[in-house]
């Protein structure tokens, strides 16, 4: 049980994606309520941004003090869209804070984004994660050009079986992440590369019409379980909604961070 800041950002994006003048303001208001909850995790340590949210059951969940590049990318997009939909500049300021944090996670020597920080909010987490490379380029204005070398890093260090793994272990295809890269390729106009990645995704179809999370029996992420830090956090070869969702986004060329078929 928990309320990760990044998961709240995706819920905000989902609500804003169905926000329409014909529905009144209820979906927009719902996104704003979630945004107000996440805003309490604004951090002043290091380069700012937002911490991870909470883990565990109410009424006394544990506060997460680490910061995630992935989460802050999500929040930059969600807060930015909320600012546009509401006309409230306070949301723009929060989007800018999240975006700044992501930019400071860039490591020129590695040509990659760090996964985030440790619990001290300053020390960089050295884990190389695929989504932390792909999402900033898909979500942040100008990032696809400024940080284009992150694609090369991903191809050199995380490619496997014509697709992509979660990290550097490369024990199997991570279907969800391969979909994320396929979408980015399509948005960049690299259609042939996108098609080849979509073919890899199609090879992971499950009998129920969905998609397996991975081609491997179990795929390591480099992270450990919150419930038991002695055990690795794994993806398993099971039908997975996240994999199916990114497969659909890649096939349609729809960017969930901008609600368009283009980069920001």
Foldseek 3Di string as FASTA:
>chain_A
DFDWLQVLLVQLLVLLLPDDVVVPCVSLVVSVVSVVQQVVQFDDPALTAGFTGFDDDPPDTHGQQWHFLNSLLSLLLSLVSSCVVVVDCVSNVNSVSSLRQLVVQQDVVLLFGFGTAHNNRHHTHRFGFLCSLLSCLQAPPPCCPVSVCSVVSQCVQADEPLFGAGGRVRPWHQLLSSLSVLLSCVQVVVPVSSVSSLVVQVVQQDPVRAGFRTPDQKGFNPAADPVDRVHTDIGGRDGDPSSRVSSVCSVVCARSSNRHNHGD
